[in-house]
Amino acid sequence: KTDILKIPGGGSALPLTCENISARPNTI
């Protein structure tokens, strides 16, 4: 059930980059 509630960005699977930061992957 790992897709129910997560902070997808900021870890090794989805590092924060200049290209993805505007999509806010480092939020809940």
mmCIF file of all heavy atoms, coordinates in Angstrom:
data_MODEL
# 
_entry.id   MODEL 
# 
loop_
_atom_site.group_PDB 
_atom_site.id 
_atom_site.type_symbol 
_atom_site.label_atom_id 
_atom_site.label_alt_id 
_atom_site.label_comp_id 
_atom_site.label_asym_id 
_atom_site.label_entity_id 
_atom_site.label_seq_id 
_atom_site.pdbx_PDB_ins_code 
_atom_site.Cartn_x 
_atom_site.Cartn_y 
_atom_site.Cartn_z 
_atom_site.occupancy 
_atom_site.B_iso_or_equiv 
_atom_site.pdbx_formal_charge 
_atom_site.auth_seq_id 
_atom_site.auth_comp_id 
_atom_site.auth_asym_id 
_atom_site.auth_atom_id 
_atom_site.pdbx_PDB_model_num 
ATOM 1   N N   . LYS A 1 1  ? 0.815  -1.216 0.000   1.00 0.00 ? 1  LYS A N   1 
ATOM 2   C CA  . LYS A 1 1  ? 0.000  0.000  0.000   1.00 0.00 ? 1  LYS A CA  1 
ATOM 3   C C   . LYS A 1 1  ? 0.852  1.272  0.000   1.00 0.00 ? 1  LYS A C   1 
ATOM 4   O O   . LYS A 1 1  ? 0.440  2.298  0.531   1.00 0.00 ? 1  LYS A O   1 
ATOM 5   C CB  . LYS A 1 1  ? -0.907 0.009  1.237   1.00 0.00 ? 1  LYS A CB  1 
ATOM 6   C CG  . LYS A 1 1  ? -1.699 -1.245 1.450   1.00 0.00 ? 1  LYS A CG  1 
ATOM 7   C CD  . LYS A 1 1  ? -2.970 -1.231 0.681   1.00 0.00 ? 1  LYS A CD  1 
ATOM 8   C CE  . LYS A 1 1  ? -3.823 -2.405 1.127   1.00 0.00 ? 1  LYS A CE  1 
ATOM 9   N NZ  . LYS A 1 1  ? -4.476 -3.078 0.070   1.00 0.00 ? 1  LYS A NZ  1 
ATOM 10  N N   . THR A 1 2  ? 2.007  1.236  -0.613  1.00 0.00 ? 2  THR A N   1 
ATOM 11  C CA  . THR A 1 2  ? 2.935  2.363  -0.529  1.00 0.00 ? 2  THR A CA  1 
ATOM 12  C C   . THR A 1 2  ? 2.509  3.604  -1.301  1.00 0.00 ? 2  THR A C   1 
ATOM 13  O O   . THR A 1 2  ? 3.090  4.668  -1.111  1.00 0.00 ? 2  THR A O   1 
ATOM 14  C CB  . THR A 1 2  ? 4.344  1.947  -0.999  1.00 0.00 ? 2  THR A CB  1 
ATOM 15  O OG1 . THR A 1 2  ? 4.252  1.464  -2.344  1.00 0.00 ? 2  THR A OG1 1 
ATOM 16  C CG2 . THR A 1 2  ? 4.925  0.881  -0.100  1.00 0.00 ? 2  THR A CG2 1 
ATOM 17  N N   . ASP A 1 3  ? 1.506  3.503  -2.153  1.00 0.00 ? 3  ASP A N   1 
ATOM 18  C CA  . ASP A 1 3  ? 1.071  4.673  -2.918  1.00 0.00 ? 3  ASP A CA  1 
ATOM 19  C C   . ASP A 1 3  ? -0.056 5.463  -2.257  1.00 0.00 ? 3  ASP A C   1 
ATOM 20  O O   . ASP A 1 3  ? -0.434 6.512  -2.750  1.00 0.00 ? 3  ASP A O   1 
ATOM 21  C CB  . ASP A 1 3  ? 0.625  4.258  -4.330  1.00 0.00 ? 3  ASP A CB  1 
ATOM 22  C CG  . ASP A 1 3  ? 1.806  3.987  -5.244  1.00 0.00 ? 3  ASP A CG  1 
ATOM 23  O OD1 . ASP A 1 3  ? 2.914  4.471  -4.943  1.00 0.00 ? 3  ASP A OD1 1 
ATOM 24  O OD2 . ASP A 1 3  ? 1.616  3.299  -6.256  1.00 0.00 ? 3  ASP A OD2 1 
ATOM 25  N N   . ILE A 1 4  ? -0.573 4.988  -1.148  1.00 0.00 ? 4  ILE A N   1 
ATOM 26  C CA  . ILE A 1 4  ? -1.716 5.650  -0.519  1.00 0.00 ? 4  ILE A CA  1 
ATOM 27  C C   . ILE A 1 4  ? -1.344 7.015  0.048   1.00 0.00 ? 4  ILE A C   1 
ATOM 28  O O   . ILE A 1 4  ? -2.032 7.993  -0.167  1.00 0.00 ? 4  ILE A O   1 
ATOM 29  C CB  . ILE A 1 4  ? -2.325 4.751  0.576   1.00 0.00 ? 4  ILE A CB  1 
ATOM 30  C CG1 . ILE A 1 4  ? -2.945 3.509  -0.067  1.00 0.00 ? 4  ILE A CG1 1 
ATOM 31  C CG2 . ILE A 1 4  ? -3.370 5.507  1.382   1.00 0.00 ? 4  ILE A CG2 1 
ATOM 32  C CD1 . ILE A 1 4  ? -3.421 2.486  0.940   1.00 0.00 ? 4  ILE A CD1 1 
ATOM 33  N N   . LEU A 1 5  ? -0.259 7.081  0.802   1.00 0.00 ? 5  LEU A N   1 
ATOM 34  C CA  . LEU A 1 5  ? 0.178  8.316  1.455   1.00 0.00 ? 5  LEU A CA  1 
ATOM 35  C C   . LEU A 1 5  ? 1.696  8.339  1.405   1.00 0.00 ? 5  LEU A C   1 
ATOM 36  O O   . LEU A 1 5  ? 2.347  7.406  1.877   1.00 0.00 ? 5  LEU A O   1 
ATOM 37  C CB  . LEU A 1 5  ? -0.323 8.327  2.907   1.00 0.00 ? 5  LEU A CB  1 
ATOM 38  C CG  . LEU A 1 5  ? -0.128 9.592  3.716   1.00 0.00 ? 5  LEU A CG  1 
ATOM 39  C CD1 . LEU A 1 5  ? -0.902 10.757 3.111   1.00 0.00 ? 5  LEU A CD1 1 
ATOM 40  C CD2 . LEU A 1 5  ? -0.584 9.371  5.153   1.00 0.00 ? 5  LEU A CD2 1 
ATOM 41  N N   . LYS A 1 6  ? 2.255  9.404  0.828   1.00 0.00 ? 6  LYS A N   1 
ATOM 42  C CA  . LYS A 1 6  ? 3.711  9.418  0.646   1.00 0.00 ? 6  LYS A CA  1 
ATOM 43  C C   . LYS A 1 6  ? 4.221  10.820 0.379   1.00 0.00 ? 6  LYS A C   1 
ATOM 44  O O   . LYS A 1 6  ? 3.456  11.735 0.066   1.00 0.00 ? 6  LYS A O   1 
ATOM 45  C CB  . LYS A 1 6  ? 4.105  8.508  -0.516  1.00 0.00 ? 6  LYS A CB  1 
ATOM 46  C CG  . LYS A 1 6  ? 3.529  8.943  -1.868  1.00 0.00 ? 6  LYS A CG  1 
ATOM 47  C CD  . LYS A 1 6  ? 3.881  7.946  -2.954  1.00 0.00 ? 6  LYS A CD  1 
ATOM 48  C CE  . LYS A 1 6  ? 3.229  8.330  -4.271  1.00 0.00 ? 6  LYS A CE  1 
ATOM 49  N NZ  . LYS A 1 6  ? 3.558  7.357  -5.314  1.00 0.00 ? 6  LYS A NZ  1 
ATOM 50  N N   . ILE A 1 7  ? 5.525  10.966 0.512   1.00 0.00 ? 7  ILE A N   1 
ATOM 51  C CA  . ILE A 1 7  ? 6.271  12.122 0.033   1.00 0.00 ? 7  ILE A CA  1 
ATOM 52  C C   . ILE A 1 7  ? 7.210  11.542 -1.020  1.00 0.00 ? 7  ILE A C   1 
ATOM 53  O O   . ILE A 1 7  ? 8.264  10.995 -0.683  1.00 0.00 ? 7  ILE A O   1 
ATOM 54  C CB  . ILE A 1 7  ? 7.054  12.828 1.158   1.00 0.00 ? 7  ILE A CB  1 
ATOM 55  C CG1 . ILE A 1 7  ? 6.096  13.342 2.232   1.00 0.00 ? 7  ILE A CG1 1 
ATOM 56  C CG2 . ILE A 1 7  ? 7.891  13.975 0.573   1.00 0.00 ? 7  ILE A CG2 1 
ATOM 57  C CD1 . ILE A 1 7  ? 6.787  13.951 3.445   1.00 0.00 ? 7  ILE A CD1 1 
ATOM 58  N N   . PRO A 1 8  ? 6.829  11.596 -2.296  1.00 0.00 ? 8  PRO A N   1 
ATOM 59  C CA  . PRO A 1 8  ? 7.577  10.866 -3.316  1.00 0.00 ? 8  PRO A CA  1 
ATOM 60  C C   . PRO A 1 8  ? 8.971  11.408 -3.636  1.00 0.00 ? 8  PRO A C   1 
ATOM 61  O O   . PRO A 1 8  ? 9.855  10.644 -4.016  1.00 0.00 ? 8  PRO A O   1 
ATOM 62  C CB  . PRO A 1 8  ? 6.674  10.948 -4.550  1.00 0.00 ? 8  PRO A CB  1 
ATOM 63  C CG  . PRO A 1 8  ? 5.799  12.130 -4.324  1.00 0.00 ? 8  PRO A CG  1 
ATOM 64  C CD  . PRO A 1 8  ? 5.650  12.263 -2.839  1.00 0.00 ? 8  PRO A CD  1 
ATOM 65  N N   . GLY A 1 9  ? 9.186  12.708 -3.482  1.00 0.00 ? 9  GLY A N   1 
ATOM 66  C CA  . GLY A 1 9  ? 10.455 13.287 -3.904  1.00 0.00 ? 9  GLY A CA  1 
ATOM 67  C C   . GLY A 1 9  ? 11.385 13.626 -2.764  1.00 0.00 ? 9  GLY A C   1 
ATOM 68  O O   . GLY A 1 9  ? 10.973 13.798 -1.620  1.00 0.00 ? 9  GLY A O   1 
ATOM 69  N N   . GLY A 1 10 ? 12.654 13.703 -3.078  1.00 0.00 ? 10 GLY A N   1 
ATOM 70  C CA  . GLY A 1 10 ? 13.659 14.086 -2.112  1.00 0.00 ? 10 GLY A CA  1 
ATOM 71  C C   . GLY A 1 10 ? 14.539 12.945 -1.658  1.00 0.00 ? 10 GLY A C   1 
ATOM 72  O O   . GLY A 1 10 ? 15.554 13.158 -1.011  1.00 0.00 ? 10 GLY A O   1 
ATOM 73  N N   . GLY A 1 11 ? 14.173 11.717 -1.996  1.00 0.00 ? 11 GLY A N   1 
ATOM 74  C CA  . GLY A 1 11 ? 14.981 10.550 -1.645  1.00 0.00 ? 11 GLY A CA  1 
ATOM 75  C C   . GLY A 1 11 ? 15.762 10.053 -2.844  1.00 0.00 ? 11 GLY A C   1 
ATOM 76  O O   . GLY A 1 11 ? 15.840 10.723 -3.882  1.00 0.00 ? 11 GLY A O   1 
ATOM 77  N N   . SER A 1 12 ? 16.301 8.865  -2.740  1.00 0.00 ? 12 SER A N   1 
ATOM 78  C CA  . SER A 1 12 ? 17.121 8.325  -3.824  1.00 0.00 ? 12 SER A CA  1 
ATOM 79  C C   . SER A 1 12 ? 16.301 7.905  -5.038  1.00 0.00 ? 12 SER A C   1 
ATOM 80  O O   . SER A 1 12 ? 16.816 7.880  -6.157  1.00 0.00 ? 12 SER A O   1 
ATOM 81  C CB  . SER A 1 12 ? 17.941 7.127  -3.318  1.00 0.00 ? 12 SER A CB  1 
ATOM 82  O OG  . SER A 1 12 ? 17.084 6.081  -2.902  1.00 0.00 ? 12 SER A OG  1 
ATOM 83  N N   . ALA A 1 13 ? 15.011 7.582  -4.856  1.00 0.00 ? 13 ALA A N   1 
ATOM 84  C CA  . ALA A 1 13 ? 14.177 7.175  -5.989  1.00 0.00 ? 13 ALA A CA  1 
ATOM 85  C C   . ALA A 1 13 ? 13.783 8.371  -6.861  1.00 0.00 ? 13 ALA A C   1 
ATOM 86  O O   . ALA A 1 13 ? 13.628 8.223  -8.077  1.00 0.00 ? 13 ALA A O   1 
ATOM 87  C CB  . ALA A 1 13 ? 12.909 6.467  -5.500  1.00 0.00 ? 13 ALA A CB  1 
ATOM 88  N N   . LEU A 1 14 ? 13.625 9.537  -6.252  1.00 0.00 ? 14 LEU A N   1 
ATOM 89  C CA  . LEU A 1 14 ? 13.240 10.740 -6.991  1.00 0.00 ? 14 LEU A CA  1 
ATOM 90  C C   . LEU A 1 14 ? 13.938 11.950 -6.370  1.00 0.00 ? 14 LEU A C   1 
ATOM 91  O O   . LEU A 1 14 ? 13.347 12.713 -5.605  1.00 0.00 ? 14 LEU A O   1 
ATOM 92  C CB  . LEU A 1 14 ? 11.713 10.936 -6.966  1.00 0.00 ? 14 LEU A CB  1 
ATOM 93  C CG  . LEU A 1 14 ? 11.161 12.129 -7.747  1.00 0.00 ? 14 LEU A CG  1 
ATOM 94  C CD1 . LEU A 1 14 ? 11.493 12.040 -9.234  1.00 0.00 ? 14 LEU A CD1 1 
ATOM 95  C CD2 . LEU A 1 14 ? 9.655  12.236 -7.532  1.00 0.00 ? 14 LEU A CD2 1 
ATOM 96  N N   . PRO A 1 15 ? 15.221 12.116 -6.689  1.00 0.00 ? 15 PRO A N   1 
ATOM 97  C CA  . PRO A 1 15 ? 15.944 13.274 -6.156  1.00 0.00 ? 15 PRO A CA  1 
ATOM 98  C C   . PRO A 1 15 ? 15.326 14.576 -6.653  1.00 0.00 ? 15 PRO A C   1 
ATOM 99  O O   . PRO A 1 15 ? 14.757 14.631 -7.750  1.00 0.00 ? 15 PRO A O   1 
ATOM 100 C CB  . PRO A 1 15 ? 17.363 13.108 -6.719  1.00 0.00 ? 15 PRO A CB  1 
ATOM 101 C CG  . PRO A 1 15 ? 17.455 11.689 -7.156  1.00 0.00 ? 15 PRO A CG  1 
ATOM 102 C CD  . PRO A 1 15 ? 16.063 11.267 -7.522  1.00 0.00 ? 15 PRO A CD  1 
ATOM 103 N N   . LEU A 1 16 ? 15.410 15.615 -5.845  1.00 0.00 ? 16 LEU A N   1 
ATOM 104 C CA  . LEU A 1 16 ? 14.914 16.922 -6.272  1.00 0.00 ? 16 LEU A CA  1 
ATOM 105 C C   . LEU A 1 16 ? 15.893 17.539 -7.264  1.00 0.00 ? 16 LEU A C   1 
ATOM 106 O O   . LEU A 1 16 ? 17.102 17.501 -7.062  1.00 0.00 ? 16 LEU A O   1 
ATOM 107 C CB  . LEU A 1 16 ? 14.747 17.837 -5.064  1.00 0.00 ? 16 LEU A CB  1 
ATOM 108 C CG  . LEU A 1 16 ? 13.731 17.390 -4.033  1.00 0.00 ? 16 LEU A CG  1 
ATOM 109 C CD1 . LEU A 1 16 ? 13.688 18.373 -2.865  1.00 0.00 ? 16 LEU A CD1 1 
ATOM 110 C CD2 . LEU A 1 16 ? 12.357 17.234 -4.648  1.00 0.00 ? 16 LEU A CD2 1 
ATOM 111 N N   . THR A 1 17 ? 15.329 18.066 -8.335  1.00 0.00 ? 17 THR A N   1 
ATOM 112 C CA  . THR A 1 17 ? 16.138 18.704 -9.371  1.00 0.00 ? 17 THR A CA  1 
ATOM 113 C C   . THR A 1 17 ? 15.486 20.023 -9.753  1.00 0.00 ? 17 THR A C   1 
ATOM 114 O O   . THR A 1 17 ? 14.324 20.282 -9.427  1.00 0.00 ? 17 THR A O   1 
ATOM 115 C CB  . THR A 1 17 ? 16.229 17.816 -10.631 1.00 0.00 ? 17 THR A CB  1 
ATOM 116 O OG1 . THR A 1 17 ? 14.912 17.687 -11.188 1.00 0.00 ? 17 THR A OG1 1 
ATOM 117 C CG2 . THR A 1 17 ? 16.802 16.441 -10.308 1.00 0.00 ? 17 THR A CG2 1 
ATOM 118 N N   . CYS A 1 18 ? 16.201 20.827 -10.493 1.00 0.00 ? 18 CYS A N   1 
ATOM 119 C CA  . CYS A 1 18 ? 15.631 22.083 -11.001 1.00 0.00 ? 18 CYS A CA  1 
ATOM 120 C C   . CYS A 1 18 ? 14.433 21.798 -11.899 1.00 0.00 ? 18 CYS A C   1 
ATOM 121 O O   . CYS A 1 18 ? 13.478 22.568 -11.932 1.00 0.00 ? 18 CYS A O   1 
ATOM 122 C CB  . CYS A 1 18 ? 16.685 22.865 -11.783 1.00 0.00 ? 18 CYS A CB  1 
ATOM 123 S SG  . CYS A 1 18 ? 18.027 23.486 -10.753 1.00 0.00 ? 18 CYS A SG  1 
ATOM 124 N N   . GLU A 1 19 ? 14.461 20.660 -12.587 1.00 0.00 ? 19 GLU A N   1 
ATOM 125 C CA  . GLU A 1 19 ? 13.392 20.314 -13.518 1.00 0.00 ? 19 GLU A CA  1 
ATOM 126 C C   . GLU A 1 19 ? 12.112 19.842 -12.820 1.00 0.00 ? 19 GLU A C   1 
ATOM 127 O O   . GLU A 1 19 ? 11.013 20.048 -13.325 1.00 0.00 ? 19 GLU A O   1 
ATOM 128 C CB  . GLU A 1 19 ? 13.848 19.222 -14.498 1.00 0.00 ? 19 GLU A CB  1 
ATOM 129 C CG  . GLU A 1 19 ? 14.932 19.667 -15.481 1.00 0.00 ? 19 GLU A CG  1 
ATOM 130 C CD  . GLU A 1 19 ? 16.322 19.750 -14.855 1.00 0.00 ? 19 GLU A CD  1 
ATOM 131 O OE1 . GLU A 1 19 ? 16.609 18.983 -13.907 1.00 0.00 ? 19 GLU A OE1 1 
ATOM 132 O OE2 . GLU A 1 19 ? 17.115 20.605 -15.288 1.00 0.00 ? 19 GLU A OE2 1 
ATOM 133 N N   . ASN A 1 20 ? 12.215 19.200 -11.662 1.00 0.00 ? 20 ASN A N   1 
ATOM 134 C CA  . ASN A 1 20 ? 11.002 18.653 -11.040 1.00 0.00 ? 20 ASN A CA  1 
ATOM 135 C C   . ASN A 1 20 ? 10.512 19.408 -9.807  1.00 0.00 ? 20 ASN A C   1 
ATOM 136 O O   . ASN A 1 20 ? 9.428  19.132 -9.314  1.00 0.00 ? 20 ASN A O   1 
ATOM 137 C CB  . ASN A 1 20 ? 11.182 17.165 -10.706 1.00 0.00 ? 20 ASN A CB  1 
ATOM 138 C CG  . ASN A 1 20 ? 12.135 16.904 -9.555  1.00 0.00 ? 20 ASN A CG  1 
ATOM 139 O OD1 . ASN A 1 20 ? 12.518 17.780 -8.796  1.00 0.00 ? 20 ASN A OD1 1 
ATOM 140 N ND2 . ASN A 1 20 ? 12.524 15.648 -9.419  1.00 0.00 ? 20 ASN A ND2 1 
ATOM 141 N N   . ILE A 1 21 ? 11.256 20.354 -9.313  1.00 0.00 ? 21 ILE A N   1 
ATOM 142 C CA  . ILE A 1 21 ? 10.900 21.012 -8.059  1.00 0.00 ? 21 ILE A CA  1 
ATOM 143 C C   . ILE A 1 21 ? 9.573  21.775 -8.139  1.00 0.00 ? 21 ILE A C   1 
ATOM 144 O O   . ILE A 1 21 ? 8.836  21.849 -7.159  1.00 0.00 ? 21 ILE A O   1 
ATOM 145 C CB  . ILE A 1 21 ? 12.034 21.939 -7.550  1.00 0.00 ? 21 ILE A CB  1 
ATOM 146 C CG1 . ILE A 1 21 ? 11.799 22.328 -6.083  1.00 0.00 ? 21 ILE A CG1 1 
ATOM 147 C CG2 . ILE A 1 21 ? 12.168 23.180 -8.403  1.00 0.00 ? 21 ILE A CG2 1 
ATOM 148 C CD1 . ILE A 1 21 ? 11.962 21.205 -5.116  1.00 0.00 ? 21 ILE A CD1 1 
ATOM 149 N N   . SER A 1 22 ? 9.231  22.303 -9.314  1.00 0.00 ? 22 SER A N   1 
ATOM 150 C CA  . SER A 1 22 ? 7.967  23.047 -9.428  1.00 0.00 ? 22 SER A CA  1 
ATOM 151 C C   . SER A 1 22 ? 6.738  22.151 -9.282  1.00 0.00 ? 22 SER A C   1 
ATOM 152 O O   . SER A 1 22 ? 5.657  22.620 -8.932  1.00 0.00 ? 22 SER A O   1 
ATOM 153 C CB  . SER A 1 22 ? 7.906  23.806 -10.759 1.00 0.00 ? 22 SER A CB  1 
ATOM 154 O OG  . SER A 1 22 ? 7.908  22.888 -11.835 1.00 0.00 ? 22 SER A OG  1 
ATOM 155 N N   . ALA A 1 23 ? 6.893  20.837 -9.467  1.00 0.00 ? 23 ALA A N   1 
ATOM 156 C CA  . ALA A 1 23 ? 5.795  19.891 -9.281  1.00 0.00 ? 23 ALA A CA  1 
ATOM 157 C C   . ALA A 1 23 ? 5.618  19.518 -7.804  1.00 0.00 ? 23 ALA A C   1 
ATOM 158 O O   . ALA A 1 23 ? 4.700  18.773 -7.464  1.00 0.00 ? 23 ALA A O   1 
ATOM 159 C CB  . ALA A 1 23 ? 6.030  18.639 -10.114 1.00 0.00 ? 23 ALA A CB  1 
ATOM 160 N N   . ARG A 1 24 ? 6.491  20.013 -6.943  1.00 0.00 ? 24 ARG A N   1 
ATOM 161 C CA  . ARG A 1 24 ? 6.438  19.800 -5.499  1.00 0.00 ? 24 ARG A CA  1 
ATOM 162 C C   . ARG A 1 24 ? 6.446  18.316 -5.092  1.00 0.00 ? 24 ARG A C   1 
ATOM 163 O O   . ARG A 1 24 ? 5.631  17.899 -4.282  1.00 0.00 ? 24 ARG A O   1 
ATOM 164 C CB  . ARG A 1 24 ? 5.241  20.508 -4.884  1.00 0.00 ? 24 ARG A CB  1 
ATOM 165 C CG  . ARG A 1 24 ? 5.290  21.991 -5.054  1.00 0.00 ? 24 ARG A CG  1 
ATOM 166 C CD  . ARG A 1 24 ? 4.116  22.627 -4.363  1.00 0.00 ? 24 ARG A CD  1 
ATOM 167 N NE  . ARG A 1 24 ? 4.255  24.077 -4.426  1.00 0.00 ? 24 ARG A NE  1 
ATOM 168 C CZ  . ARG A 1 24 ? 3.274  24.897 -4.212  1.00 0.00 ? 24 ARG A CZ  1 
ATOM 169 N NH1 . ARG A 1 24 ? 2.084  24.448 -3.903  1.00 0.00 ? 24 ARG A NH1 1 
ATOM 170 N NH2 . ARG A 1 24 ? 3.458  26.194 -4.290  1.00 0.00 ? 24 ARG A NH2 1 
ATOM 171 N N   . PRO A 1 25 ? 7.375  17.537 -5.604  1.00 0.00 ? 25 PRO A N   1 
ATOM 172 C CA  . PRO A 1 25 ? 7.421  16.127 -5.219  1.00 0.00 ? 25 PRO A CA  1 
ATOM 173 C C   . PRO A 1 25 ? 7.867  15.901 -3.774  1.00 0.00 ? 25 PRO A C   1 
ATOM 174 O O   . PRO A 1 25 ? 7.763  14.795 -3.256  1.00 0.00 ? 25 PRO A O   1 
ATOM 175 C CB  . PRO A 1 25 ? 8.416  15.513 -6.207  1.00 0.00 ? 25 PRO A CB  1 
ATOM 176 C CG  . PRO A 1 25 ? 9.336  16.648 -6.520  1.00 0.00 ? 25 PRO A CG  1 
ATOM 177 C CD  . PRO A 1 25 ? 8.449  17.880 -6.538  1.00 0.00 ? 25 PRO A CD  1 
ATOM 178 N N   . ASN A 1 26 ? 8.351  16.965 -3.123  1.00 0.00 ? 26 ASN A N   1 
ATOM 179 C CA  . ASN A 1 26 ? 8.827  16.866 -1.734  1.00 0.00 ? 26 ASN A CA  1 
ATOM 180 C C   . ASN A 1 26 ? 7.725  17.217 -0.724  1.00 0.00 ? 26 ASN A C   1 
ATOM 181 O O   . ASN A 1 26 ? 8.016  17.501 0.428   1.00 0.00 ? 26 ASN A O   1 
ATOM 182 C CB  . ASN A 1 26 ? 10.044 17.751 -1.526  1.00 0.00 ? 26 ASN A CB  1 
ATOM 183 C CG  . ASN A 1 26 ? 9.739  19.212 -1.808  1.00 0.00 ? 26 ASN A CG  1 
ATOM 184 O OD1 . ASN A 1 26 ? 8.974  19.543 -2.709  1.00 0.00 ? 26 ASN A OD1 1 
ATOM 185 N ND2 . ASN A 1 26 ? 10.349 20.108 -1.061  1.00 0.00 ? 26 ASN A ND2 1 
ATOM 186 N N   . THR A 1 27 ? 6.467  17.167 -1.166  1.00 0.00 ? 27 THR A N   1 
ATOM 187 C CA  . THR A 1 27 ? 5.347  17.422 -0.268  1.00 0.00 ? 27 THR A CA  1 
ATOM 188 C C   . THR A 1 27 ? 4.476  16.165 -0.148  1.00 0.00 ? 27 THR A C   1 
ATOM 189 O O   . THR A 1 27 ? 4.592  15.246 -0.947  1.00 0.00 ? 27 THR A O   1 
ATOM 190 C CB  . THR A 1 27 ? 4.478  18.606 -0.753  1.00 0.00 ? 27 THR A CB  1 
ATOM 191 O OG1 . THR A 1 27 ? 3.975  18.329 -2.052  1.00 0.00 ? 27 THR A OG1 1 
ATOM 192 C CG2 . THR A 1 27 ? 5.291  19.903 -0.792  1.00 0.00 ? 27 THR A CG2 1 
ATOM 193 N N   . ILE A 1 28 ? 3.599  16.181 0.838   1.00 0.00 ? 28 ILE A N   1 
ATOM 194 C CA  . ILE A 1 28 ? 2.744  15.029 1.103   1.00 0.00 ? 28 ILE A CA  1 
ATOM 195 C C   . ILE A 1 28 ? 1.730  14.848 -0.029  1.00 0.00 ? 28 ILE A C   1 
ATOM 196 O O   . ILE A 1 28 ? 1.103  15.800 -0.468  1.00 0.00 ? 28 ILE A O   1 
ATOM 197 C CB  . ILE A 1 28 ? 2.009  15.201 2.451   1.00 0.00 ? 28 ILE A CB  1 
ATOM 198 C CG1 . ILE A 1 28 ? 3.021  15.221 3.583   1.00 0.00 ? 28 ILE A CG1 1 
ATOM 199 C CG2 . ILE A 1 28 ? 0.991  14.098 2.667   1.00 0.00 ? 28 ILE A CG2 1 
ATOM 200 C CD1 . ILE A 1 28 ? 2.441  15.618 4.942   1.00 0.00 ? 28 ILE A CD1 1 
# 
